[in-house]
Structure formats: structure tokens, C-alpha cells
Amino acid sequence: MLAQVKQLATQFGTTILMVTHHPEDAVAIADQVLLIDEGKVKYHLNIDQLSANNESLKDYIS
């Protein structure tokens, strides 16, 4: 289903806001990731930046 959501967003050129507690779902369809912790934005990254050497973010995603 996530692949279909990504395909529709690309096909129609629209933005989709997805809220999830499952980082693997976000990574599957996102081109940007916003991580909110205790009501504050902790990270706002392009999907390509997720592989950067940020240990806190790596712990969250894995």
C-alpha cells in the first residue's frame, strides 16, 4: 500500500503528510522526514541525509 501512496503522490504531484510511529514506513515513501520529540522538531532532513553519521537518529530509525 505504501508503494501505491508514493506512486499517487508522484503521479499527481501532490504533497502527502504521513504521521507514523513506524520509521520504516516513513522511509519507504518519504523524500523528507520530520522527527518530533516532546512537541519540538528534533530533525528535519531530506531522506538522503538519513544515512548521515547522526547516532541519535540512527538509533530511532533502526
Protein backbone atom coordinates (compact mmCIF):
# COMPACT_ATOMS: atom_id res chain seq x y z
CA MET A 1 0.00 0.00 0.00
CA LEU A 2 2.86 2.41 0.74
CA ALA A 3 4.16 1.98 -2.79
CA GLN A 4 0.72 2.96 -4.12
CA VAL A 5 0.64 6.07 -1.94
CA LYS A 6 4.07 7.11 -3.19
CA GLN A 7 3.07 6.41 -6.80
CA LEU A 8 -0.10 8.52 -6.49
CA ALA A 9 1.78 11.41 -4.90
CA THR A 10 4.31 11.34 -7.74
CA GLN A 11 1.65 10.92 -10.42
CA PHE A 12 -0.46 13.84 -9.20
CA GLY A 13 2.42 16.00 -7.98
CA THR A 14 0.90 16.40 -4.55
CA THR A 15 2.25 16.54 -1.02
CA ILE A 16 1.25 13.90 1.50
CA LEU A 17 1.59 14.33 5.23
CA MET A 18 2.03 10.96 6.92
CA VAL A 19 2.16 10.64 10.68
CA THR A 20 3.59 7.36 11.92
CA HIS A 21 5.40 5.70 14.78
CA HIS A 22 6.96 3.29 12.30
CA PRO A 23 10.10 4.84 10.81
CA GLU A 24 10.40 2.11 8.18
CA ASP A 25 7.05 3.26 6.73
CA ALA A 26 8.22 6.86 6.59
CA VAL A 27 11.47 5.92 4.90
CA ALA A 28 9.59 3.81 2.33
CA ILE A 29 7.65 6.75 0.87
CA ALA A 30 9.23 9.96 2.13
CA ASP A 31 11.52 12.44 0.49
CA GLN A 32 11.70 14.39 3.76
CA VAL A 33 11.46 13.29 7.38
CA LEU A 34 10.47 15.42 10.34
CA LEU A 35 11.11 13.90 13.76
CA ILE A 36 9.19 15.49 16.62
CA ASP A 37 10.19 14.74 20.21
CA GLU A 38 8.21 16.10 23.16
CA GLY A 39 6.37 18.52 20.87
CA LYS A 40 9.51 20.02 19.36
CA VAL A 41 11.09 19.43 15.97
CA LYS A 42 14.25 17.48 16.61
CA TYR A 43 15.21 16.71 12.98
CA HIS A 44 14.03 17.90 9.58
CA LEU A 45 16.02 16.06 6.94
CA ASN A 46 15.88 15.02 3.32
CA ILE A 47 15.64 11.26 3.03
CA ASP A 48 19.20 11.18 1.62
CA GLN A 49 20.51 12.73 4.85
CA LEU A 50 19.24 9.84 6.98
CA SER A 51 22.42 7.89 6.36
CA ALA A 52 24.50 10.71 7.85
CA ASN A 53 26.50 9.98 10.97
CA ASN A 54 23.85 11.10 13.42
CA GLU A 55 23.77 8.45 16.12
CA SER A 56 20.56 9.68 17.77
CA LEU A 57 18.64 9.48 14.53
CA LYS A 58 20.17 6.13 13.61
CA ASP A 59 19.00 4.74 16.98
CA TYR A 60 15.47 5.95 16.28
CA ILE A 61 15.30 4.56 12.75
CA SER A 62 16.82 1.15 13.46
